[in-house]
Protein backbone atom coordinates (compact mmCIF):
# COMPACT_ATOMS: atom_id res chain seq x y z
CA MET A 1 97.85 105.81 98.45
CA SER A 2 100.70 103.54 97.42
CA THR A 3 102.14 100.08 98.00
CA ILE A 4 105.70 99.85 99.32
CA LEU A 5 108.07 96.90 99.69
CA ILE A 6 110.83 97.17 102.29
CA THR A 7 113.50 94.46 102.37
CA GLY A 8 115.49 93.70 105.49
CA ALA A 9 112.66 95.01 107.65
CA SER A 10 112.97 92.71 110.65
CA ARG A 11 114.90 95.15 112.84
CA GLY A 12 117.14 98.21 112.93
CA ILE A 13 116.93 100.65 110.05
CA GLY A 14 114.50 98.45 108.11
CA ARG A 15 112.03 98.32 110.99
CA ALA A 16 112.36 102.08 111.55
CA ILE A 17 111.65 102.71 107.86
CA ALA A 18 108.58 100.50 108.00
CA LEU A 19 107.22 102.29 111.06
CA ALA A 20 107.92 105.72 109.60
CA CYS A 21 106.11 104.79 106.40
CA ALA A 22 103.17 103.41 108.37
CA GLY A 23 102.91 106.62 110.35
CA SER A 24 103.15 108.84 107.27
CA GLY A 25 99.67 107.97 106.05
CA LYS A 26 100.95 107.71 102.46
CA TYR A 27 100.76 103.94 102.09
CA SER A 28 97.75 101.67 101.92
CA LYS A 29 99.86 98.51 101.79
CA ILE A 30 103.28 97.81 103.28
CA ILE A 31 105.06 94.59 102.35
CA LEU A 32 107.82 93.59 104.74
CA ASN A 33 110.64 91.18 103.98
CA GLY A 34 113.02 89.62 106.45
CA GLY A 35 115.80 87.17 105.83
CA HIS A 36 116.12 84.86 108.84
CA ASP A 37 114.43 85.96 112.07
CA ALA A 38 110.75 85.09 111.86
CA ALA A 39 109.99 86.39 115.35
CA ALA A 40 111.58 89.79 114.68
CA LEU A 41 109.75 90.11 111.36
CA GLU A 42 106.46 89.22 113.05
CA GLU A 43 107.10 91.90 115.67
CA THR A 44 107.77 94.50 112.96
CA SER A 45 104.56 93.48 111.23
CA ARG A 46 102.60 93.85 114.47
CA LEU A 47 104.03 97.30 115.13
CA VAL A 48 103.36 98.46 111.57
CA SER A 49 99.79 97.19 111.66
CA ALA A 50 99.20 99.07 114.90
CA ALA A 51 100.73 102.29 113.55
CA GLY A 52 98.27 103.06 110.79
CA ASP A 53 95.13 102.18 108.86
CA LEU A 54 96.77 99.98 106.25
CA LEU A 55 97.33 96.44 105.05
CA CYS A 56 100.60 94.92 106.23
CA ALA A 57 102.03 91.73 104.72
CA ALA A 58 105.22 90.01 105.86
CA SER A 59 107.34 87.42 104.09
CA LEU A 60 110.43 85.60 105.35
CA GLY A 61 112.89 84.78 102.58
CA ASP A 62 116.20 85.46 100.90
CA VAL A 63 116.01 88.41 98.50
CA GLY A 64 119.37 87.23 97.19
CA SER A 65 117.33 84.49 95.49
CA ALA A 66 115.65 85.51 92.24
CA ALA A 67 113.10 82.71 92.62
CA TYR A 68 112.05 83.97 96.04
CA VAL A 69 111.64 87.57 94.84
CA GLU A 70 109.57 86.41 91.89
CA SER A 71 107.35 84.42 94.27
CA LEU A 72 106.99 87.54 96.43
CA ARG A 73 105.75 89.47 93.38
CA ARG A 74 103.28 86.71 92.49
CA GLN A 75 101.93 86.57 96.03
CA PHE A 76 101.54 90.27 96.78
CA GLY A 77 101.47 91.96 93.37
CA PRO A 78 103.31 95.03 92.07
CA VAL A 79 104.60 97.88 94.20
CA ASP A 80 104.82 101.63 93.68
CA VAL A 81 107.82 102.10 95.97
CA LEU A 82 110.75 99.77 96.55
CA VAL A 83 113.19 100.23 99.43
CA ASN A 84 116.19 97.90 99.19
CA ASN A 85 117.49 97.76 102.76
CA ALA A 86 118.59 94.13 103.18
CA GLY A 87 122.25 93.97 104.08
CA ILE A 88 124.95 92.19 106.07
CA SER A 89 128.54 92.93 106.99
CA ARG A 90 131.49 90.66 107.71
CA THR A 91 134.40 92.34 109.48
CA GLY A 92 138.02 91.23 109.18
CA LEU A 93 141.01 91.17 106.88
CA LEU A 94 140.24 90.37 103.26
CA THR A 95 142.91 87.67 103.29
CA ASP A 96 141.04 85.93 106.12
CA MET A 97 137.68 86.01 104.35
CA PRO A 98 136.67 82.68 102.81
CA PRO A 99 135.00 82.74 99.38
CA ALA A 100 131.66 81.67 100.88
CA GLU A 101 131.55 84.79 103.09
CA TRP A 102 132.40 87.04 100.14
CA ASP A 103 129.60 85.43 98.13
CA GLU A 104 127.14 85.84 101.01
CA VAL A 105 127.85 89.58 101.35
CA ILE A 106 127.60 90.21 97.61
CA ARG A 107 124.44 88.11 97.31
CA THR A 108 122.69 89.83 100.21
CA ASN A 109 123.81 93.42 99.58
CA LEU A 110 124.03 93.63 95.80
CA THR A 111 122.40 90.69 94.04
CA SER A 112 119.25 91.30 96.08
CA VAL A 113 119.01 94.81 94.59
CA TYR A 114 119.27 93.36 91.09
CA ASN A 115 116.62 90.74 91.93
CA THR A 116 114.04 93.18 93.28
CA CYS A 117 114.59 95.77 90.55
CA HIS A 118 114.56 93.13 87.80
CA THR A 119 111.27 91.79 89.16
CA TYR A 120 109.39 94.99 90.01
CA VAL A 121 110.63 97.56 87.48
CA PRO A 122 108.54 96.17 84.57
CA ASP A 123 105.37 96.94 86.57
CA MET A 124 106.61 100.47 87.22
CA VAL A 125 107.43 101.02 83.56
CA ARG A 126 103.96 99.89 82.55
CA SER A 127 102.33 102.23 85.06
CA GLY A 128 104.62 105.15 84.19
CA HIS A 129 105.69 105.83 87.77
CA GLY A 130 107.64 104.39 90.66
CA LYS A 131 110.30 105.10 93.25
CA ILE A 132 113.33 102.99 94.16
CA LEU A 133 115.52 103.83 97.13
CA ASN A 134 118.59 101.72 97.85
CA ILE A 135 120.11 101.85 101.33
CA SER A 136 123.84 102.07 100.77
CA SER A 137 126.61 103.22 103.13
CA VAL A 138 129.30 105.86 103.39
CA TRP A 139 131.74 102.95 103.04
CA GLY A 140 130.45 102.54 99.52
CA LEU A 141 131.81 106.02 98.83
CA CYS A 142 135.21 105.85 100.52
CA GLY A 143 135.80 102.26 101.67
CA ALA A 144 136.54 100.92 105.15
CA SER A 145 139.50 98.90 106.34
CA CYS A 146 138.51 95.36 107.35
CA GLU A 147 135.19 95.76 105.53
CA VAL A 148 136.32 95.25 101.95
CA ALA A 149 133.43 93.03 100.90
CA TYR A 150 130.84 95.33 102.48
CA SER A 151 132.46 98.43 100.97
CA ALA A 152 132.67 96.79 97.55
CA SER A 153 129.04 95.72 97.64
CA LYS A 154 127.81 99.17 98.68
CA GLY A 155 130.03 100.90 96.12
CA ALA A 156 128.44 98.69 93.50
CA VAL A 157 124.97 99.60 94.82
CA ASN A 158 125.85 103.27 94.33
CA ALA A 159 126.95 102.69 90.72
CA PHE A 160 123.88 100.51 90.13
CA THR A 161 121.68 103.32 91.46
CA GLN A 162 123.15 105.98 89.20
CA ALA A 163 123.07 103.77 86.11
CA LEU A 164 119.51 102.57 86.68
CA ALA A 165 118.34 106.13 87.35
CA ARG A 166 119.52 107.15 83.89
CA GLU A 167 117.85 104.10 82.38
CA LEU A 168 114.49 104.65 84.06
CA ALA A 169 114.14 108.45 84.17
CA PRO A 170 112.43 108.52 80.74
CA SER A 171 109.79 106.18 82.21
CA GLY A 172 109.05 108.49 85.14
CA ILE A 173 110.76 106.24 87.68
CA GLN A 174 112.99 107.75 90.37
CA VAL A 175 116.06 105.89 91.63
CA ASN A 176 118.23 107.16 94.50
CA ALA A 177 120.42 105.82 97.30
CA LEU A 178 120.82 106.85 100.92
CA ALA A 179 124.27 106.31 102.42
CA PRO A 180 124.16 106.27 106.23
CA GLY A 181 127.26 106.59 108.36
CA MET A 182 127.44 105.00 111.79
CA ALA A 183 124.01 103.99 113.10
CA ASP A 184 122.97 102.34 116.36
CA THR A 185 122.03 98.96 114.92
CA ARG A 186 122.78 95.29 115.46
CA MET A 187 125.25 95.41 112.55
CA ASN A 188 127.57 97.48 114.75
CA ALA A 189 126.99 95.52 117.95
CA HIS A 190 130.36 93.77 117.60
CA LEU A 191 132.15 97.04 118.40
CA SER A 192 133.42 97.50 121.94
CA GLU A 193 132.46 100.52 124.02
CA THR A 194 135.93 101.94 123.43
CA GLU A 195 135.69 101.48 119.67
CA THR A 196 132.22 103.04 119.60
CA ALA A 197 133.44 106.03 121.64
CA GLU A 198 136.39 106.52 119.30
CA ILE A 199 134.06 106.60 116.29
CA ARG A 200 131.68 108.97 118.07
CA ASP A 201 134.58 111.34 118.72
CA GLN A 202 135.29 111.44 114.98
CA ILE A 203 131.74 112.48 114.06
CA PRO A 204 131.34 116.28 113.99
CA ALA A 205 127.68 115.99 115.04
CA GLY A 206 128.93 114.34 118.22
CA TYR A 207 126.73 111.26 118.30
CA ILE A 208 125.78 108.07 116.47
CA ALA A 209 122.57 108.16 114.42
CA SER A 210 119.47 106.35 115.53
CA PRO A 211 117.59 104.15 113.04
CA ASP A 212 114.69 106.60 113.34
CA GLU A 213 116.83 109.45 112.00
CA VAL A 214 117.79 107.37 108.99
CA ALA A 215 114.14 106.45 108.47
CA GLN A 216 113.13 110.12 108.48
CA ALA A 217 115.71 110.75 105.75
CA VAL A 218 114.16 107.91 103.76
CA LEU A 219 110.72 109.52 104.02
CA ARG A 220 112.11 112.86 102.83
CA LEU A 221 113.83 111.29 99.83
CA LEU A 222 110.68 109.42 98.85
CA GLU A 223 108.83 112.74 98.88
CA MET A 224 111.27 114.37 96.46
CA PRO A 225 110.03 115.24 92.94
CA ASP A 226 110.82 112.80 90.14
CA TYR A 227 113.50 115.16 88.78
CA PHE A 228 115.56 114.32 91.87
CA THR A 229 117.05 111.05 90.64
CA GLY A 230 120.41 109.33 90.40
CA ASN A 231 121.64 110.74 93.71
CA ILE A 232 123.69 109.20 96.50
CA VAL A 233 122.74 111.12 99.64
CA LYS A 234 124.84 110.84 102.81
CA ILE A 235 123.47 111.00 106.34
CA ASP A 236 126.53 110.73 108.56
CA GLY A 237 126.73 113.78 110.84
CA GLY A 238 129.57 115.23 108.75
CA TRP A 239 131.76 112.18 109.42
CA THR A 240 133.11 111.48 105.92
């Protein structure tokens, strides 16, 4: 039985991952992080606690802050599995994006991955095992118009994943990324019904993924043997 930390677990894909892990019976302790919404994080924690015989701990804080992540490690101890899911998107033309918004996206989507890995990897190296799964995006592979900051941050997460996998493979630590396409989450709630229908029509599978489908892919990747490392795996219905 293992301990897992899931960032960005308040809702959407993060909540679905937490519930899937709780139901898998593979974890004795699940640590949940959320960035802003205390009520949503509390609800995730309640659902996780009800889903399995395990210890669930929840912490509200900014994983883009190294000091916060270090305090998380001191409070709850090391983890065997790290799922970096925290992420935000800001849609619009790059020329209309103020520097503060750029910094917020990079801090939340990329710097957070550095912070958690920098904090928790030493424990994994000492124990000789560990799994890291970074939730990326198909836009990190091909880029999206009007989502330059998001695409750049997720492309960097992909490169980070492949580089860290090479660095940690000799220590028995697996590092991969999952790149979802369109998913039915709050991040895409700004799209109109017409825009959503147009995207759905472009997806060969014919529908938009549920958070639960993405969570099931996460479980499968975490079950892969250690030799499966350094991979960026798409789940997008054949879209890209």
